[in-house]
Amino acid sequence: MEQAYDSMGWLALRQVHIHFNFPSKFLDLLLNCVLDPKFCDLINRKKFDWIEAKSGFR
């Protein structure tokens, strides 16, 4: 599956989901995860700074 995403543009991914009538809310959540991913660690109930992913989808 990773190789399929490596060769597919994000616009194409969006069009495929639209073609198969995925709900727009789901599509928005999915694209937010892959287009501009950010992570925040929570260790022992302490929240750390946001980390921006820079190397693409994995």
PDB file of N, CA and C in Angstrom:
ATOM      1  N   MET A   1       0.824  -1.187   0.000  1.00  0.00           N
ATOM      2  CA  MET A   1       0.000   0.000   0.000  1.00  0.00           C
ATOM      3  C   MET A   1       0.869   1.252   0.000  1.00  0.00           C
ATOM      4  N   GLU A   2       1.988   1.198   0.681  1.00  0.00           N
ATOM      5  CA  GLU A   2       2.883   2.349   0.716  1.00  0.00           C
ATOM      6  C   GLU A   2       3.352   2.706  -0.687  1.00  0.00           C
ATOM      7  N   GLN A   3       3.681   1.713  -1.487  1.00  0.00           N
ATOM      8  CA  GLN A   3       4.143   1.981  -2.844  1.00  0.00           C
ATOM      9  C   GLN A   3       3.042   2.604  -3.693  1.00  0.00           C
ATOM     10  N   ALA A   4       1.805   2.207  -3.477  1.00  0.00           N
ATOM     11  CA  ALA A   4       0.698   2.798  -4.232  1.00  0.00           C
ATOM     12  C   ALA A   4       0.577   4.282  -3.921  1.00  0.00           C
ATOM     13  N   TYR A   5       0.698   4.645  -2.658  1.00  0.00           N
ATOM     14  CA  TYR A   5       0.615   6.052  -2.291  1.00  0.00           C
ATOM     15  C   TYR A   5       1.830   6.844  -2.782  1.00  0.00           C
ATOM     16  N   ASP A   6       2.988   6.193  -2.836  1.00  0.00           N
ATOM     17  CA  ASP A   6       4.178   6.884  -3.305  1.00  0.00           C
ATOM     18  C   ASP A   6       4.034   7.333  -4.757  1.00  0.00           C
ATOM     19  N   SER A   7       3.285   6.587  -5.547  1.00  0.00           N
ATOM     20  CA  SER A   7       3.167   6.925  -6.964  1.00  0.00           C
ATOM     21  C   SER A   7       1.885   7.687  -7.295  1.00  0.00           C
ATOM     22  N   MET A   8       1.076   8.005  -6.293  1.00  0.00           N
ATOM     23  CA  MET A   8      -0.190   8.696  -6.520  1.00  0.00           C
ATOM     24  C   MET A   8      -0.120  10.105  -5.949  1.00  0.00           C
ATOM     25  N   GLY A   9      -0.517  11.084  -6.731  1.00  0.00           N
ATOM     26  CA  GLY A   9      -0.566  12.453  -6.233  1.00  0.00           C
ATOM     27  C   GLY A   9      -1.757  12.645  -5.309  1.00  0.00           C
ATOM     28  N   TRP A  10      -1.679  13.635  -4.441  1.00  0.00           N
ATOM     29  CA  TRP A  10      -2.756  13.865  -3.484  1.00  0.00           C
ATOM     30  C   TRP A  10      -4.035  14.294  -4.190  1.00  0.00           C
ATOM     31  N   LEU A  11      -3.920  15.039  -5.280  1.00  0.00           N
ATOM     32  CA  LEU A  11      -5.107  15.437  -6.030  1.00  0.00           C
ATOM     33  C   LEU A  11      -5.805  14.205  -6.608  1.00  0.00           C
ATOM     34  N   ALA A  12      -5.030  13.245  -7.090  1.00  0.00           N
ATOM     35  CA  ALA A  12      -5.607  12.009  -7.620  1.00  0.00           C
ATOM     36  C   ALA A  12      -6.294  11.221  -6.509  1.00  0.00           C
ATOM     37  N   LEU A  13      -5.695  11.182  -5.332  1.00  0.00           N
ATOM     38  CA  LEU A  13      -6.304  10.503  -4.186  1.00  0.00           C
ATOM     39  C   LEU A  13      -7.652  11.139  -3.860  1.00  0.00           C
ATOM     40  N   ARG A  14      -7.700  12.447  -3.880  1.00  0.00           N
ATOM     41  CA  ARG A  14      -8.948  13.184  -3.620  1.00  0.00           C
ATOM     42  C   ARG A  14     -10.014  12.834  -4.660  1.00  0.00           C
ATOM     43  N   GLN A  15      -9.624  12.812  -5.932  1.00  0.00           N
ATOM     44  CA  GLN A  15     -10.572  12.520  -7.003  1.00  0.00           C
ATOM     45  C   GLN A  15     -11.119  11.098  -6.904  1.00  0.00           C
ATOM     46  N   VAL A  16     -10.286  10.150  -6.519  1.00  0.00           N
ATOM     47  CA  VAL A  16     -10.746   8.766  -6.356  1.00  0.00           C
ATOM     48  C   VAL A  16     -11.793   8.684  -5.250  1.00  0.00           C
ATOM     49  N   HIS A  17     -11.550   9.348  -4.144  1.00  0.00           N
ATOM     50  CA  HIS A  17     -12.516   9.325  -3.044  1.00  0.00           C
ATOM     51  C   HIS A  17     -13.819  10.019  -3.430  1.00  0.00           C
ATOM     52  N   ILE A  18     -13.730  11.100  -4.178  1.00  0.00           N
ATOM     53  CA  ILE A  18     -14.937  11.783  -4.655  1.00  0.00           C
ATOM     54  C   ILE A  18     -15.707  10.876  -5.608  1.00  0.00           C
ATOM     55  N   HIS A  19     -14.991  10.203  -6.498  1.00  0.00           N
ATOM     56  CA  HIS A  19     -15.624   9.306  -7.468  1.00  0.00           C
ATOM     57  C   HIS A  19     -16.413   8.191  -6.770  1.00  0.00           C
ATOM     58  N   PHE A  20     -15.881   7.661  -5.675  1.00  0.00           N
ATOM     59  CA  PHE A  20     -16.549   6.576  -4.958  1.00  0.00           C
ATOM     60  C   PHE A  20     -17.471   7.087  -3.849  1.00  0.00           C
ATOM     61  N   ASN A  21     -17.776   8.380  -3.878  1.00  0.00           N
ATOM     62  CA  ASN A  21     -18.762   8.998  -2.976  1.00  0.00           C
ATOM     63  C   ASN A  21     -18.443   8.844  -1.490  1.00  0.00           C
ATOM     64  N   PHE A  22     -17.172   8.989  -1.139  1.00  0.00           N
ATOM     65  CA  PHE A  22     -16.833   9.017   0.278  1.00  0.00           C
ATOM     66  C   PHE A  22     -17.402  10.304   0.877  1.00  0.00           C
ATOM     67  N   PRO A  23     -17.810  10.277   2.130  1.00  0.00           N
ATOM     68  CA  PRO A  23     -18.332  11.498   2.763  1.00  0.00           C
ATOM     69  C   PRO A  23     -17.276  12.607   2.780  1.00  0.00           C
ATOM     70  N   SER A  24     -17.706  13.820   2.567  1.00  0.00           N
ATOM     71  CA  SER A  24     -16.766  14.947   2.486  1.00  0.00           C
ATOM     72  C   SER A  24     -16.022  15.153   3.807  1.00  0.00           C
ATOM     73  N   LYS A  25     -16.677  14.903   4.922  1.00  0.00           N
ATOM     74  CA  LYS A  25     -16.010  15.050   6.226  1.00  0.00           C
ATOM     75  C   LYS A  25     -14.848  14.066   6.348  1.00  0.00           C
ATOM     76  N   PHE A  26     -15.056  12.822   5.907  1.00  0.00           N
ATOM     77  CA  PHE A  26     -13.995  11.823   5.927  1.00  0.00           C
ATOM     78  C   PHE A  26     -12.845  12.244   5.024  1.00  0.00           C
ATOM     79  N   LEU A  27     -13.178  12.730   3.830  1.00  0.00           N
ATOM     80  CA  LEU A  27     -12.146  13.163   2.889  1.00  0.00           C
ATOM     81  C   LEU A  27     -11.334  14.314   3.459  1.00  0.00           C
ATOM     82  N   ASP A  28     -11.998  15.263   4.105  1.00  0.00           N
ATOM     83  CA  ASP A  28     -11.284  16.387   4.732  1.00  0.00           C
ATOM     84  C   ASP A  28     -10.332  15.902   5.821  1.00  0.00           C
ATOM     85  N   LEU A  29     -10.796  14.975   6.655  1.00  0.00           N
ATOM     86  CA  LEU A  29      -9.937  14.438   7.722  1.00  0.00           C
ATOM     87  C   LEU A  29      -8.740  13.684   7.148  1.00  0.00           C
ATOM     88  N   LEU A  30      -8.993  12.882   6.115  1.00  0.00           N
ATOM     89  CA  LEU A  30      -7.918  12.120   5.483  1.00  0.00           C
ATOM     90  C   LEU A  30      -6.858  13.043   4.898  1.00  0.00           C
ATOM     91  N   LEU A  31      -7.287  14.041   4.147  1.00  0.00           N
ATOM     92  CA  LEU A  31      -6.335  14.949   3.512  1.00  0.00           C
ATOM     93  C   LEU A  31      -5.588  15.796   4.537  1.00  0.00           C
ATOM     94  N   ASN A  32      -6.233  16.149   5.639  1.00  0.00           N
ATOM     95  CA  ASN A  32      -5.530  16.868   6.703  1.00  0.00           C
ATOM     96  C   ASN A  32      -4.409  16.021   7.287  1.00  0.00           C
ATOM     97  N   CYS A  33      -4.621  14.711   7.344  1.00  0.00           N
ATOM     98  CA  CYS A  33      -3.595  13.809   7.884  1.00  0.00           C
ATOM     99  C   CYS A  33      -2.405  13.651   6.948  1.00  0.00           C
ATOM    100  N   VAL A  34      -2.637  13.697   5.644  1.00  0.00           N
ATOM    101  CA  VAL A  34      -1.544  13.429   4.712  1.00  0.00           C
ATOM    102  C   VAL A  34      -0.927  14.686   4.104  1.00  0.00           C
ATOM    103  N   LEU A  35      -1.667  15.786   4.042  1.00  0.00           N
ATOM    104  CA  LEU A  35      -1.125  16.993   3.411  1.00  0.00           C
ATOM    105  C   LEU A  35      -0.304  17.851   4.364  1.00  0.00           C
ATOM    106  N   ASP A  36      -0.711  17.928   5.603  1.00  0.00           N
ATOM    107  CA  ASP A  36      -0.020  18.794   6.560  1.00  0.00           C
ATOM    108  C   ASP A  36       0.020  18.120   7.934  1.00  0.00           C
ATOM    109  N   PRO A  37       0.696  16.963   8.036  1.00  0.00           N
ATOM    110  CA  PRO A  37       0.653  16.232   9.302  1.00  0.00           C
ATOM    111  C   PRO A  37       1.463  16.911  10.409  1.00  0.00           C
ATOM    112  N   LYS A  38       0.875  16.939  11.591  1.00  0.00           N
ATOM    113  CA  LYS A  38       1.536  17.460  12.782  1.00  0.00           C
ATOM    114  C   LYS A  38       1.256  16.488  13.913  1.00  0.00           C
ATOM    115  N   PHE A  39       2.235  16.331  14.788  1.00  0.00           N
ATOM    116  CA  PHE A  39       2.124  15.400  15.895  1.00  0.00           C
ATOM    117  C   PHE A  39       2.472  16.109  17.185  1.00  0.00           C
ATOM    118  N   CYS A  40       1.844  15.678  18.255  1.00  0.00           N
ATOM    119  CA  CYS A  40       2.145  16.219  19.574  1.00  0.00           C
ATOM    120  C   CYS A  40       2.257  15.042  20.533  1.00  0.00           C
ATOM    121  N   ASP A  41       3.368  14.957  21.240  1.00  0.00           N
ATOM    122  CA  ASP A  41       3.568  13.878  22.201  1.00  0.00           C
ATOM    123  C   ASP A  41       2.925  14.231  23.539  1.00  0.00           C
ATOM    124  N   LEU A  42       2.364  13.219  24.161  1.00  0.00           N
ATOM    125  CA  LEU A  42       1.806  13.356  25.493  1.00  0.00           C
ATOM    126  C   LEU A  42       2.446  12.268  26.349  1.00  0.00           C
ATOM    127  N   ILE A  43       3.337  12.682  27.252  1.00  0.00           N
ATOM    128  CA  ILE A  43       4.060  11.741  28.098  1.00  0.00           C
ATOM    129  C   ILE A  43       3.796  12.105  29.555  1.00  0.00           C
ATOM    130  N   ASN A  44       3.285  11.130  30.299  1.00  0.00           N
ATOM    131  CA  ASN A  44       2.941  11.355  31.712  1.00  0.00           C
ATOM    132  C   ASN A  44       2.057  12.586  31.891  1.00  0.00           C
ATOM    133  N   ARG A  45       1.078  12.697  31.012  1.00  0.00           N
ATOM    134  CA  ARG A  45       0.099  13.798  31.011  1.00  0.00           C
ATOM    135  C   ARG A  45       0.712  15.168  30.738  1.00  0.00           C
ATOM    136  N   LYS A  46       1.930  15.196  30.247  1.00  0.00           N
ATOM    137  CA  LYS A  46       2.556  16.465  29.901  1.00  0.00           C
ATOM    138  C   LYS A  46       2.601  16.573  28.379  1.00  0.00           C
ATOM    139  N   LYS A  47       2.046  17.650  27.858  1.00  0.00           N
ATOM    140  CA  LYS A  47       1.980  17.864  26.415  1.00  0.00           C
ATOM    141  C   LYS A  47       3.241  18.579  25.940  1.00  0.00           C
ATOM    142  N   PHE A  48       3.838  18.050  24.875  1.00  0.00           N
ATOM    143  CA  PHE A  48       5.048  18.635  24.309  1.00  0.00           C
ATOM    144  C   PHE A  48       4.716  19.435  23.057  1.00  0.00           C
ATOM    145  N   ASP A  49       5.683  20.138  22.517  1.00  0.00           N
ATOM    146  CA  ASP A  49       5.477  20.980  21.333  1.00  0.00           C
ATOM    147  C   ASP A  49       5.064  20.150  20.119  1.00  0.00           C
ATOM    148  N   TRP A  50       4.400  20.817  19.176  1.00  0.00           N
ATOM    149  CA  TRP A  50       3.975  20.178  17.937  1.00  0.00           C
ATOM    150  C   TRP A  50       5.188  19.906  17.044  1.00  0.00           C
ATOM    151  N   ILE A  51       5.164  18.768  16.387  1.00  0.00           N
ATOM    152  CA  ILE A  51       6.218  18.369  15.452  1.00  0.00           C
ATOM    153  C   ILE A  51       5.590  18.279  14.063  1.00  0.00           C
ATOM    154  N   GLU A  52       6.168  18.970  13.105  1.00  0.00           N
ATOM    155  CA  GLU A  52       5.651  18.914  11.731  1.00  0.00           C
ATOM    156  C   GLU A  52       6.407  17.848  10.949  1.00  0.00           C
ATOM    157  N   ALA A  53       5.644  16.945  10.322  1.00  0.00           N
ATOM    158  CA  ALA A  53       6.263  15.911   9.477  1.00  0.00           C
ATOM    159  C   ALA A  53       6.721  16.545   8.174  1.00  0.00           C
ATOM    160  N   LYS A  54       7.935  16.246   7.772  1.00  0.00           N
ATOM    161  CA  LYS A  54       8.508  16.867   6.574  1.00  0.00           C
ATOM    162  C   LYS A  54       8.837  15.881   5.467  1.00  0.00           C
ATOM    163  N   SER A  55       8.796  14.586   5.753  1.00  0.00           N
ATOM    164  CA  SER A  55       9.270  13.629   4.755  1.00  0.00           C
ATOM    165  C   SER A  55       8.154  12.954   3.956  1.00  0.00           C
ATOM    166  N   GLY A  56       6.927  13.429   4.049  1.00  0.00           N
ATOM    167  CA  GLY A  56       5.840  12.861   3.255  1.00  0.00           C
ATOM    168  C   GLY A  56       5.113  11.747   3.970  1.00  0.00           C
ATOM    169  N   PHE A  57       4.230  11.123   3.253  1.00  0.00           N
ATOM    170  CA  PHE A  57       3.380  10.068   3.802  1.00  0.00           C
ATOM    171  C   PHE A  57       4.168   8.803   4.046  1.00  0.00           C
ATOM    172  N   ARG A  58       3.958   8.183   5.204  1.00  0.00           N
ATOM    173  CA  ARG A  58       4.609   6.914   5.525  1.00  0.00           C
ATOM    174  C   ARG A  58       3.605   5.972   6.115  1.00  0.00           C
TER     175      ARG A  58
END
